[in-house]
PDB file of all heavy atoms in Angstrom:
ATOM      1  N   PRO A   1       0.800  -1.242   0.002  1.00  0.00           N
ATOM      2  CA  PRO A   1      -0.005   0.000   0.003  1.00  0.00           C
ATOM      3  C   PRO A   1       0.830   1.275   0.000  1.00  0.00           C
ATOM      4  O   PRO A   1       0.572   2.167  -0.832  1.00  0.00           O
ATOM      5  CB  PRO A   1      -0.845  -0.153   1.260  1.00  0.00           C
ATOM      6  CG  PRO A   1      -1.013  -1.612   1.441  1.00  0.00           C
ATOM      7  CD  PRO A   1       0.307  -2.205   1.017  1.00  0.00           C
ATOM      8  N   PRO A   2       1.824   1.438   0.912  1.00  0.00           N
ATOM      9  CA  PRO A   2       2.602   2.684   0.837  1.00  0.00           C
ATOM     10  C   PRO A   2       3.393   2.827  -0.459  1.00  0.00           C
ATOM     11  O   PRO A   2       3.590   3.936  -0.957  1.00  0.00           O
ATOM     12  CB  PRO A   2       3.520   2.613   2.055  1.00  0.00           C
ATOM     13  CG  PRO A   2       3.531   1.183   2.471  1.00  0.00           C
ATOM     14  CD  PRO A   2       2.216   0.639   2.083  1.00  0.00           C
ATOM     15  N   ARG A   3       3.833   1.706  -1.034  1.00  0.00           N
ATOM     16  CA  ARG A   3       4.556   1.778  -2.311  1.00  0.00           C
ATOM     17  C   ARG A   3       3.624   2.258  -3.425  1.00  0.00           C
ATOM     18  O   ARG A   3       4.018   3.044  -4.274  1.00  0.00           O
ATOM     19  CB  ARG A   3       5.148   0.416  -2.659  1.00  0.00           C
ATOM     20  CG  ARG A   3       6.255  -0.026  -1.725  1.00  0.00           C
ATOM     21  CD  ARG A   3       6.911  -1.313  -2.203  1.00  0.00           C
ATOM     22  NE  ARG A   3       7.700  -1.071  -3.407  1.00  0.00           N
ATOM     23  CZ  ARG A   3       7.464  -1.673  -4.573  1.00  0.00           C
ATOM     24  NH1 ARG A   3       6.427  -2.517  -4.708  1.00  0.00           N
ATOM     25  NH2 ARG A   3       8.217  -1.416  -5.626  1.00  0.00           N
ATOM     26  N   VAL A   4       2.401   1.748  -3.376  1.00  0.00           N
ATOM     27  CA  VAL A   4       1.414   2.180  -4.392  1.00  0.00           C
ATOM     28  C   VAL A   4       1.083   3.665  -4.215  1.00  0.00           C
ATOM     29  O   VAL A   4       1.027   4.432  -5.197  1.00  0.00           O
ATOM     30  CB  VAL A   4       0.143   1.317  -4.307  1.00  0.00           C
ATOM     31  CG1 VAL A   4      -0.957   1.904  -5.213  1.00  0.00           C
ATOM     32  CG2 VAL A   4       0.446  -0.104  -4.697  1.00  0.00           C
ATOM     33  N   LEU A   5       0.862   4.084  -2.966  1.00  0.00           N
ATOM     34  CA  LEU A   5       0.463   5.478  -2.712  1.00  0.00           C
ATOM     35  C   LEU A   5       1.594   6.443  -3.040  1.00  0.00           C
ATOM     36  O   LEU A   5       1.332   7.615  -3.359  1.00  0.00           O
ATOM     37  CB  LEU A   5       0.047   5.630  -1.248  1.00  0.00           C
ATOM     38  CG  LEU A   5      -1.196   4.818  -0.815  1.00  0.00           C
ATOM     39  CD1 LEU A   5      -1.520   5.085   0.636  1.00  0.00           C
ATOM     40  CD2 LEU A   5      -2.381   5.121  -1.700  1.00  0.00           C
ATOM     41  N   ARG A   6       2.848   5.965  -2.984  1.00  0.00           N
ATOM     42  CA  ARG A   6       3.982   6.820  -3.335  1.00  0.00           C
ATOM     43  C   ARG A   6       4.402   6.676  -4.788  1.00  0.00           C
ATOM     44  O   ARG A   6       5.433   7.221  -5.194  1.00  0.00           O
ATOM     45  CB  ARG A   6       5.172   6.472  -2.437  1.00  0.00           C
ATOM     46  CG  ARG A   6       4.956   6.794  -0.965  1.00  0.00           C
ATOM     47  CD  ARG A   6       6.141   6.381  -0.150  1.00  0.00           C
ATOM     48  NE  ARG A   6       5.928   6.637   1.283  1.00  0.00           N
ATOM     49  CZ  ARG A   6       6.809   6.334   2.233  1.00  0.00           C
ATOM     50  NH1 ARG A   6       7.979   5.770   1.905  1.00  0.00           N
ATOM     51  NH2 ARG A   6       6.542   6.592   3.493  1.00  0.00           N
ATOM     52  N   ASN A   7       3.599   5.954  -5.558  1.00  0.00           N
ATOM     53  CA  ASN A   7       3.883   5.737  -6.974  1.00  0.00           C
ATOM     54  C   ASN A   7       5.230   5.050  -7.196  1.00  0.00           C
ATOM     55  O   ASN A   7       5.924   5.322  -8.177  1.00  0.00           O
ATOM     56  CB  ASN A   7       3.846   7.076  -7.747  1.00  0.00           C
ATOM     57  CG  ASN A   7       2.445   7.605  -7.906  1.00  0.00           C
ATOM     58  OD1 ASN A   7       1.495   6.837  -8.020  1.00  0.00           O
ATOM     59  ND2 ASN A   7       2.298   8.922  -7.872  1.00  0.00           N
ATOM     60  N   ARG A   8       5.598   4.135  -6.290  1.00  0.00           N
ATOM     61  CA  ARG A   8       6.844   3.384  -6.449  1.00  0.00           C
ATOM     62  C   ARG A   8       6.580   1.932  -6.841  1.00  0.00           C
ATOM     63  O   ARG A   8       7.512   1.149  -6.974  1.00  0.00           O
ATOM     64  CB  ARG A   8       7.623   3.412  -5.137  1.00  0.00           C
ATOM     65  CG  ARG A   8       8.133   4.801  -4.785  1.00  0.00           C
ATOM     66  CD  ARG A   8       8.902   4.791  -3.491  1.00  0.00           C
ATOM     67  NE  ARG A   8       9.415   6.128  -3.165  1.00  0.00           N
ATOM     68  CZ  ARG A   8      10.094   6.425  -2.066  1.00  0.00           C
ATOM     69  NH1 ARG A   8      10.372   5.461  -1.187  1.00  0.00           N
ATOM     70  NH2 ARG A   8      10.497   7.660  -1.838  1.00  0.00           N
ATOM     71  N   ALA A   9       5.328   1.569  -7.003  1.00  0.00           N
ATOM     72  CA  ALA A   9       4.969   0.206  -7.403  1.00  0.00           C
ATOM     73  C   ALA A   9       4.673   0.185  -8.893  1.00  0.00           C
ATOM     74  O   ALA A   9       4.538   1.221  -9.555  1.00  0.00           O
ATOM     75  CB  ALA A   9       3.764  -0.267  -6.602  1.00  0.00           C
ATOM     76  N   ALA A  10       4.630  -1.050  -9.420  1.00  0.00           N
ATOM     77  CA  ALA A  10       4.338  -1.186 -10.846  1.00  0.00           C
ATOM     78  C   ALA A  10       2.933  -0.717 -11.181  1.00  0.00           C
ATOM     79  O   ALA A  10       2.685  -0.161 -12.256  1.00  0.00           O
ATOM     80  CB  ALA A  10       4.528  -2.649 -11.265  1.00  0.00           C
ATOM     81  N   THR A  11       2.000  -0.943 -10.261  1.00  0.00           N
ATOM     82  CA  THR A  11       0.620  -0.502 -10.451  1.00  0.00           C
ATOM     83  C   THR A  11       0.445   0.865  -9.832  1.00  0.00           C
ATOM     84  O   THR A  11       0.681   1.040  -8.634  1.00  0.00           O
ATOM     85  CB  THR A  11      -0.357  -1.493  -9.810  1.00  0.00           C
ATOM     86  OG1 THR A  11      -0.134  -2.795 -10.356  1.00  0.00           O
ATOM     87  CG2 THR A  11      -1.794  -1.066 -10.073  1.00  0.00           C
ATOM     88  N   ARG A  12       0.040   1.813 -10.614  1.00  0.00           N
ATOM     89  CA  ARG A  12      -0.139   3.169 -10.129  1.00  0.00           C
ATOM     90  C   ARG A  12      -1.633   3.544 -10.159  1.00  0.00           C
ATOM     91  O   ARG A  12      -2.333   3.227 -11.121  1.00  0.00           O
ATOM     92  CB  ARG A  12       0.657   4.169 -10.954  1.00  0.00           C
ATOM     93  CG  ARG A  12       2.145   3.918 -10.890  1.00  0.00           C
ATOM     94  CD  ARG A  12       2.954   5.073 -11.389  1.00  0.00           C
ATOM     95  NE  ARG A  12       4.380   4.857 -11.183  1.00  0.00           N
ATOM     96  CZ  ARG A  12       5.317   5.779 -11.400  1.00  0.00           C
ATOM     97  NH1 ARG A  12       4.967   6.968 -11.846  1.00  0.00           N
ATOM     98  NH2 ARG A  12       6.579   5.499 -11.182  1.00  0.00           N
ATOM     99  N   PRO A  13      -2.097   4.200  -9.095  1.00  0.00           N
ATOM    100  CA  PRO A  13      -3.534   4.536  -9.055  1.00  0.00           C
ATOM    101  C   PRO A  13      -3.910   5.590 -10.088  1.00  0.00           C
ATOM    102  O   PRO A  13      -3.106   6.445 -10.433  1.00  0.00           O
ATOM    103  CB  PRO A  13      -3.724   5.057  -7.615  1.00  0.00           C
ATOM    104  CG  PRO A  13      -2.370   5.558  -7.214  1.00  0.00           C
ATOM    105  CD  PRO A  13      -1.374   4.672  -7.902  1.00  0.00           C
ATOM    106  N   GLU A  14      -5.123   5.472 -10.544  1.00  0.00           N
ATOM    107  CA  GLU A  14      -5.676   6.515 -11.420  1.00  0.00           C
ATOM    108  C   GLU A  14      -5.823   7.790 -10.606  1.00  0.00           C
ATOM    109  O   GLU A  14      -6.276   7.771  -9.458  1.00  0.00           O
ATOM    110  CB  GLU A  14      -7.034   6.062 -11.937  1.00  0.00           C
ATOM    111  CG  GLU A  14      -7.762   7.091 -12.780  1.00  0.00           C
ATOM    112  CD  GLU A  14      -9.190   6.704 -13.066  1.00  0.00           C
ATOM    113  OE1 GLU A  14      -9.593   5.577 -12.665  1.00  0.00           O
ATOM    114  OE2 GLU A  14      -9.921   7.507 -13.649  1.00  0.00           O
ATOM    115  N   VAL A  15      -5.442   8.914 -11.171  1.00  0.00           N
ATOM    116  CA  VAL A  15      -5.462  10.180 -10.444  1.00  0.00           C
ATOM    117  C   VAL A  15      -6.788  10.895 -10.709  1.00  0.00           C
ATOM    118  O   VAL A  15      -7.193  11.075 -11.864  1.00  0.00           O
ATOM    119  CB  VAL A  15      -4.289  11.077 -10.864  1.00  0.00           C
ATOM    120  CG1 VAL A  15      -4.350  12.412 -10.121  1.00  0.00           C
ATOM    121  CG2 VAL A  15      -2.960  10.376 -10.584  1.00  0.00           C
ATOM    122  N   ALA A  16      -7.466  11.285  -9.631  1.00  0.00           N
ATOM    123  CA  ALA A  16      -8.697  12.090  -9.753  1.00  0.00           C
ATOM    124  C   ALA A  16      -8.276  13.540  -9.997  1.00  0.00           C
ATOM    125  O   ALA A  16      -8.355  14.381  -9.092  1.00  0.00           O
ATOM    126  CB  ALA A  16      -9.539  11.953  -8.497  1.00  0.00           C
ATOM    127  N   SER A  17      -7.837  13.816 -11.181  1.00  0.00           N
ATOM    128  CA  SER A  17      -7.275  15.130 -11.534  1.00  0.00           C
ATOM    129  C   SER A  17      -8.361  16.134 -11.874  1.00  0.00           C
ATOM    130  O   SER A  17      -9.514  15.754 -12.125  1.00  0.00           O
ATOM    131  CB  SER A  17      -6.326  14.970 -12.718  1.00  0.00           C
ATOM    132  OG  SER A  17      -7.048  14.545 -13.852  1.00  0.00           O
ATOM    133  N   PRO A  18      -8.029  17.418 -11.893  1.00  0.00           N
ATOM    134  CA  PRO A  18      -9.015  18.419 -12.322  1.00  0.00           C
ATOM    135  C   PRO A  18      -9.531  18.164 -13.729  1.00  0.00           C
ATOM    136  O   PRO A  18     -10.699  18.414 -14.022  1.00  0.00           O
ATOM    137  CB  PRO A  18      -8.227  19.734 -12.248  1.00  0.00           C
ATOM    138  CG  PRO A  18      -7.184  19.488 -11.200  1.00  0.00           C
ATOM    139  CD  PRO A  18      -6.792  18.049 -11.376  1.00  0.00           C
ATOM    140  N   GLU A  19      -8.651  17.637 -14.593  1.00  0.00           N
ATOM    141  CA  GLU A  19      -9.105  17.318 -15.969  1.00  0.00           C
ATOM    142  C   GLU A  19     -10.167  16.222 -15.941  1.00  0.00           C
ATOM    143  O   GLU A  19     -11.136  16.275 -16.693  1.00  0.00           O
ATOM    144  CB  GLU A  19      -7.908  16.886 -16.817  1.00  0.00           C
ATOM    145  CG  GLU A  19      -6.889  17.979 -17.102  1.00  0.00           C
ATOM    146  CD  GLU A  19      -6.001  18.298 -15.926  1.00  0.00           C
ATOM    147  OE1 GLU A  19      -5.966  17.482 -14.968  1.00  0.00           O
ATOM    148  OE2 GLU A  19      -5.351  19.354 -15.946  1.00  0.00           O
ATOM    149  N   ALA A  20      -9.932  15.212 -15.073  1.00  0.00           N
ATOM    150  CA  ALA A  20     -10.931  14.145 -14.959  1.00  0.00           C
ATOM    151  C   ALA A  20     -12.234  14.661 -14.354  1.00  0.00           C
ATOM    152  O   ALA A  20     -13.313  14.198 -14.693  1.00  0.00           O
ATOM    153  CB  ALA A  20     -10.359  13.002 -14.115  1.00  0.00           C
ATOM    154  N   VAL A  21     -12.111  15.627 -13.427  1.00  0.00           N
ATOM    155  CA  VAL A  21     -13.316  16.241 -12.846  1.00  0.00           C
ATOM    156  C   VAL A  21     -14.125  16.946 -13.916  1.00  0.00           C
ATOM    157  O   VAL A  21     -15.344  16.791 -14.012  1.00  0.00           O
ATOM    158  CB  VAL A  21     -12.917  17.213 -11.711  1.00  0.00           C
ATOM    159  CG1 VAL A  21     -14.132  18.021 -11.277  1.00  0.00           C
ATOM    160  CG2 VAL A  21     -12.332  16.463 -10.533  1.00  0.00           C
ATOM    161  N   VAL A  22     -13.442  17.746 -14.732  1.00  0.00           N
ATOM    162  CA  VAL A  22     -14.131  18.490 -15.788  1.00  0.00           C
ATOM    163  C   VAL A  22     -14.781  17.544 -16.790  1.00  0.00           C
ATOM    164  O   VAL A  22     -15.881  17.802 -17.291  1.00  0.00           O
ATOM    165  CB  VAL A  22     -13.119  19.428 -16.501  1.00  0.00           C
ATOM    166  CG1 VAL A  22     -13.770  20.089 -17.718  1.00  0.00           C
ATOM    167  CG2 VAL A  22     -12.624  20.509 -15.543  1.00  0.00           C
ATOM    168  N   ALA A  23     -14.106  16.414 -17.065  1.00  0.00           N
ATOM    169  CA  ALA A  23     -14.635  15.444 -18.024  1.00  0.00           C
ATOM    170  C   ALA A  23     -15.803  14.653 -17.467  1.00  0.00           C
ATOM    171  O   ALA A  23     -16.461  13.895 -18.210  1.00  0.00           O
ATOM    172  CB  ALA A  23     -13.524  14.496 -18.447  1.00  0.00           C
ATOM    173  N   GLY A  24     -16.094  14.793 -16.162  1.00  0.00           N
ATOM    174  CA  GLY A  24     -17.187  14.079 -15.556  1.00  0.00           C
ATOM    175  C   GLY A  24     -16.869  12.681 -15.124  1.00  0.00           C
ATOM    176  O   GLY A  24     -17.774  11.903 -14.814  1.00  0.00           O
ATOM    177  N   ASN A  25     -15.563  12.340 -15.069  1.00  0.00           N
ATOM    178  CA  ASN A  25     -15.155  10.988 -14.701  1.00  0.00           C
ATOM    179  C   ASN A  25     -14.948  10.818 -13.200  1.00  0.00           C
ATOM    180  O   ASN A  25     -14.628   9.715 -12.753  1.00  0.00           O
ATOM    181  CB  ASN A  25     -13.858  10.614 -15.430  1.00  0.00           C
ATOM    182  CG  ASN A  25     -14.046  10.633 -16.935  1.00  0.00           C
ATOM    183  OD1 ASN A  25     -15.127  10.308 -17.437  1.00  0.00           O
ATOM    184  ND2 ASN A  25     -13.002  10.996 -17.654  1.00  0.00           N
ATOM    185  N   VAL A  26     -15.094  11.887 -12.430  1.00  0.00           N
ATOM    186  CA  VAL A  26     -14.856  11.814 -10.986  1.00  0.00           C
ATOM    187  C   VAL A  26     -16.154  12.052 -10.216  1.00  0.00           C
ATOM    188  O   VAL A  26     -16.547  11.255  -9.364  1.00  0.00           O
ATOM    189  CB  VAL A  26     -13.787  12.826 -10.550  1.00  0.00           C
ATOM    190  CG1 VAL A  26     -13.609  12.809  -9.036  1.00  0.00           C
ATOM    191  CG2 VAL A  26     -12.457  12.550 -11.238  1.00  0.00           C
ATOM    192  N   LEU A  27     -16.808  13.155 -10.516  1.00  0.00           N
ATOM    193  CA  LEU A  27     -18.008  13.547  -9.763  1.00  0.00           C
ATOM    194  C   LEU A  27     -19.303  13.159 -10.475  1.00  0.00           C
ATOM    195  O   LEU A  27     -20.385  13.434  -9.957  1.00  0.00           O
ATOM    196  CB  LEU A  27     -17.989  15.056  -9.500  1.00  0.00           C
ATOM    197  CG  LEU A  27     -16.728  15.587  -8.811  1.00  0.00           C
ATOM    198  CD1 LEU A  27     -16.833  17.080  -8.628  1.00  0.00           C
ATOM    199  CD2 LEU A  27     -16.530  14.892  -7.472  1.00  0.00           C
TER     200      LEU A  27
END
């Protein structure tokens, strides 16, 4: 979990970015 949260693992979480918010993919 801490490796994933720090983006040090092979699997990286999808980021709830402002661009994704505007696109309607977050809210």
